Amino acid sequence: MPIQIEPELHSVVMENVSWDYYSRTLEELGPSRGFRIIFDQGRMEIVTTSNLHERIKKTIARLLEMYAAEAAISIVADGTLTLRRESLKKGLEPDECYYVQTPAPPATEGEFDLSIHPPPDLAIEVEISRGSISKMEIYGALKVREIWRYKVGRVVPMHLTSSGEYVAAKNSLAFPNLDMGQFNKYVKQAVEEDVNEAIKALRKWVRSGAKGRAK
């Protein structure tokens, strides 16, 4: 099994990996770890995450969940749920993911089965460093219809097209009444200044009847 270490990417890439080996790796390492595992048709990448990455993804999640609560939008957060399908030989773990319009499957202790249950409506990806395996192609194959891609200080909604590719958009499919420009101001404030003050400001904005309020 050829192994390639990518120090600039903080990752290890393995070639010619079987699905069983990938499955055992997920099982043995468990969910409580400081890295993500990506699998794409025999290539497996283990990517470490920095505290900056984790802080930003949690900050975006906190802001989004506060917005949903204040706007009376029912959501189910499934965090870094492993999304994979053996028939496609593809799998990954989003930074955060949410069911919004789609009813969420029941919570279970066993493996989440994408051949039975629908994928989440939204996944969040914080791209501070570039990985070796393209996550967007995997998300497309798994039919996750929207990705929030955080890059260069802002969140950009990416919509899945009929061709299986993602295109950048101004608005969110999962949260169509959310002003993404305004939301990004709070993301910037939270990351660069104070997350608690940003949450308070977002709450005040939604309660004031701003464009971000759900209809």
Protein backbone atom coordinates (compact mmCIF):
# COMPACT_ATOMS: atom_id res chain seq x y z
CA MET A 1 0.00 0.00 0.00
CA PRO A 2 1.87 3.14 -1.19
CA ILE A 3 1.83 5.94 1.37
CA GLN A 4 2.49 9.58 0.54
CA ILE A 5 3.07 12.16 3.28
CA GLU A 6 2.04 15.73 2.43
CA PRO A 7 3.68 17.95 5.10
CA GLU A 8 2.42 21.15 3.49
CA LEU A 9 -1.14 19.79 3.61
CA HIS A 10 -0.82 18.21 7.08
CA SER A 11 -2.04 14.93 5.65
CA VAL A 12 -1.13 11.36 4.76
CA VAL A 13 -2.43 9.87 1.51
CA MET A 14 -2.63 6.11 0.96
CA GLU A 15 -3.16 4.49 -2.43
CA ASN A 16 -4.90 1.20 -3.30
CA VAL A 17 -6.82 1.08 -0.02
CA SER A 18 -9.69 -1.39 0.22
CA TRP A 19 -13.13 -0.42 1.49
CA ASP A 20 -12.70 -2.88 4.36
CA TYR A 21 -9.44 -1.22 5.42
CA TYR A 22 -11.12 2.19 5.31
CA SER A 23 -14.02 0.83 7.38
CA ARG A 24 -11.68 -0.69 9.96
CA THR A 25 -9.75 2.57 10.19
CA LEU A 26 -12.94 4.48 10.96
CA GLU A 27 -14.00 1.90 13.52
CA GLU A 28 -10.67 1.55 15.29
CA LEU A 29 -9.86 5.24 15.48
CA GLY A 30 -13.39 6.19 16.52
CA PRO A 31 -15.12 9.57 16.29
CA SER A 32 -13.10 11.39 18.96
CA ARG A 33 -10.03 12.45 17.01
CA GLY A 34 -8.40 15.61 15.73
CA PHE A 35 -8.44 14.71 12.04
CA ARG A 36 -10.74 13.79 9.15
CA ILE A 37 -10.65 10.67 6.97
CA ILE A 38 -11.51 10.99 3.27
CA PHE A 39 -11.95 8.06 0.89
CA ASP A 40 -12.33 8.14 -2.87
CA GLN A 41 -12.20 4.93 -4.87
CA GLY A 42 -9.12 3.44 -3.25
CA ARG A 43 -7.38 6.65 -2.19
CA MET A 44 -7.56 7.45 1.52
CA GLU A 45 -6.39 10.69 3.07
CA ILE A 46 -6.01 11.39 6.78
CA VAL A 47 -5.98 15.15 7.37
CA THR A 48 -5.11 16.72 10.69
CA THR A 49 -7.08 19.77 11.83
CA SER A 50 -5.64 22.78 13.60
CA ASN A 51 -7.22 24.64 16.51
CA LEU A 52 -7.79 27.54 14.09
CA HIS A 53 -9.77 25.25 11.78
CA GLU A 54 -11.82 23.85 14.66
CA ARG A 55 -12.48 27.27 16.13
CA ILE A 56 -13.71 28.72 12.85
CA LYS A 57 -15.98 25.78 12.04
CA LYS A 58 -17.48 25.86 15.53
CA THR A 59 -17.92 29.64 15.28
CA ILE A 60 -19.84 29.33 12.02
CA ALA A 61 -21.96 26.56 13.54
CA ARG A 62 -22.78 28.65 16.61
CA LEU A 63 -23.82 31.62 14.50
CA LEU A 64 -25.93 29.50 12.16
CA GLU A 65 -27.65 27.67 15.00
CA MET A 66 -28.40 30.95 16.75
CA TYR A 67 -29.85 32.34 13.53
CA ALA A 68 -32.06 29.26 13.11
CA ALA A 69 -33.29 29.47 16.70
CA GLU A 70 -34.08 33.19 16.47
CA ALA A 71 -35.74 32.81 13.06
CA ALA A 72 -37.82 29.84 14.31
CA ILE A 73 -36.31 27.42 11.78
CA SER A 74 -36.26 23.81 12.91
CA ILE A 75 -32.91 22.15 12.19
CA VAL A 76 -31.08 19.00 13.24
CA ALA A 77 -27.30 19.26 13.62
CA ASP A 78 -25.29 16.10 12.96
CA GLY A 79 -21.78 17.53 13.31
CA THR A 80 -19.01 15.52 11.66
CA LEU A 81 -21.28 12.63 10.73
CA THR A 82 -19.47 10.14 8.49
CA LEU A 83 -21.10 10.23 5.05
CA ARG A 84 -20.16 7.33 2.80
CA ARG A 85 -21.52 4.82 0.32
CA GLU A 86 -19.82 1.53 -0.46
CA SER A 87 -21.45 1.32 -3.90
CA LEU A 88 -19.67 4.56 -4.84
CA LYS A 89 -16.48 3.80 -2.90
CA LYS A 90 -16.60 7.34 -1.51
CA GLY A 91 -16.78 8.78 1.98
CA LEU A 92 -15.87 11.79 4.11
CA GLU A 93 -16.68 13.70 7.27
CA PRO A 94 -17.96 17.28 6.99
CA ASP A 95 -16.90 19.90 9.50
CA GLU A 96 -20.59 20.34 10.34
CA CYS A 97 -23.81 19.20 8.67
CA TYR A 98 -27.52 19.95 9.05
CA TYR A 99 -30.94 18.68 8.13
CA VAL A 100 -33.24 21.62 7.48
CA GLN A 101 -35.97 20.96 4.89
CA THR A 102 -35.34 17.21 4.76
CA PRO A 103 -36.64 15.25 7.78
CA ALA A 104 -33.67 14.00 9.76
CA PRO A 105 -33.21 10.24 10.15
CA PRO A 106 -33.53 8.88 13.69
CA ALA A 107 -30.44 9.04 15.88
CA THR A 108 -28.81 5.63 16.23
CA GLU A 109 -25.57 4.21 17.59
CA GLY A 110 -24.85 2.23 14.45
CA GLU A 111 -23.28 3.44 11.23
CA PHE A 112 -25.27 6.01 9.27
CA ASP A 113 -26.44 4.34 6.05
CA LEU A 114 -26.72 6.67 3.06
CA SER A 115 -28.27 3.91 0.97
CA ILE A 116 -31.30 4.10 3.27
CA HIS A 117 -31.32 7.63 4.66
CA PRO A 118 -31.12 10.93 2.74
CA PRO A 119 -27.97 13.04 2.98
CA PRO A 120 -28.06 16.27 5.02
CA ASP A 121 -29.29 19.44 3.33
CA LEU A 122 -26.17 21.41 4.21
CA ALA A 123 -22.53 20.67 4.98
CA ILE A 124 -19.94 23.19 6.15
CA GLU A 125 -16.33 23.00 4.97
CA VAL A 126 -13.63 25.25 6.41
CA GLU A 127 -10.84 25.41 3.85
CA ILE A 128 -7.78 26.82 5.58
CA SER A 129 -5.41 24.38 3.90
CA ARG A 130 -5.92 22.41 0.70
CA GLY A 131 -6.31 18.65 0.84
CA SER A 132 -5.06 16.17 -1.73
CA ILE A 133 -8.45 14.55 -2.44
CA SER A 134 -11.27 16.75 -3.72
CA LYS A 135 -14.10 16.76 -1.21
CA MET A 136 -16.48 18.55 -3.55
CA GLU A 137 -16.51 15.64 -5.99
CA ILE A 138 -17.34 13.26 -3.15
CA TYR A 139 -20.11 15.52 -1.84
CA GLY A 140 -21.54 15.70 -5.35
CA ALA A 141 -21.58 11.93 -5.70
CA LEU A 142 -23.28 11.64 -2.29
CA LYS A 143 -25.94 14.18 -3.39
CA VAL A 144 -25.41 16.77 -0.66
CA ARG A 145 -27.22 19.64 -2.32
CA GLU A 146 -25.45 22.53 -0.60
CA ILE A 147 -21.99 23.20 0.83
CA TRP A 148 -21.02 26.29 2.80
CA ARG A 149 -17.39 26.79 1.90
CA TYR A 150 -15.40 29.03 4.24
CA LYS A 151 -12.40 30.45 2.47
CA VAL A 152 -10.45 33.70 2.73
CA GLY A 153 -12.55 34.97 5.61
CA ARG A 154 -16.07 34.39 4.28
CA VAL A 155 -18.72 31.75 3.73
CA VAL A 156 -19.80 31.07 0.14
CA PRO A 157 -22.86 28.85 -0.52
CA MET A 158 -22.18 26.21 -3.17
CA HIS A 159 -25.19 24.63 -4.90
CA LEU A 160 -25.17 21.16 -6.46
CA THR A 161 -26.09 21.22 -10.15
CA SER A 162 -27.74 18.46 -12.19
CA SER A 163 -24.32 17.60 -13.61
CA GLY A 164 -23.00 16.79 -10.13
CA GLU A 165 -20.80 19.88 -9.81
CA TYR A 166 -21.06 22.79 -7.39
CA VAL A 167 -21.46 26.43 -8.34
CA ALA A 168 -21.10 29.45 -6.10
CA ALA A 169 -24.33 31.28 -5.23
CA LYS A 170 -25.35 34.43 -3.36
CA ASN A 171 -28.07 32.77 -1.32
CA SER A 172 -28.47 29.56 0.64
CA LEU A 173 -30.83 26.77 -0.41
CA ALA A 174 -31.22 25.57 3.17
CA PHE A 175 -31.76 29.10 4.53
CA PRO A 176 -33.19 31.11 1.62
CA ASN A 177 -34.15 34.14 3.73
CA LEU A 178 -30.70 34.54 5.27
CA ASP A 179 -28.76 37.53 3.98
CA MET A 180 -25.36 35.90 3.46
CA GLY A 181 -23.60 39.24 3.17
CA GLN A 182 -24.83 40.24 6.62
CA PHE A 183 -24.12 36.78 8.01
CA ASN A 184 -20.54 37.03 6.81
CA LYS A 185 -20.14 40.30 8.71
CA TYR A 186 -20.93 38.42 11.90
CA VAL A 187 -18.59 35.59 10.89
CA LYS A 188 -15.80 38.11 10.40
CA GLN A 189 -16.55 39.78 13.74
CA ALA A 190 -16.65 36.42 15.52
CA VAL A 191 -13.37 35.16 14.02
CA GLU A 192 -11.38 38.39 14.27
CA GLU A 193 -12.86 39.98 17.40
CA ASP A 194 -15.30 38.31 19.80
CA VAL A 195 -17.64 35.41 19.05
CA ASN A 196 -20.03 36.19 21.90
CA GLU A 197 -20.46 39.79 20.78
CA ALA A 198 -21.04 38.60 17.23
CA ILE A 199 -23.76 36.21 18.42
CA LYS A 200 -25.43 39.01 20.36
CA ALA A 201 -25.31 41.27 17.31
CA LEU A 202 -26.77 38.56 15.08
CA ARG A 203 -29.57 37.92 17.56
CA LYS A 204 -30.40 41.62 17.71
CA TRP A 205 -30.37 41.83 13.90
CA VAL A 206 -32.83 38.95 13.48
CA ARG A 207 -35.10 40.19 16.28
CA SER A 208 -35.20 43.64 14.70
CA GLY A 209 -37.09 42.16 11.76
CA ALA A 210 -34.15 42.36 9.36
CA LYS A 211 -33.99 40.50 6.09
CA GLY A 212 -32.57 37.48 7.87
CA ARG A 213 -35.91 36.71 9.57
CA ALA A 214 -37.72 33.66 8.22
CA LYS A 215 -40.99 34.26 6.41
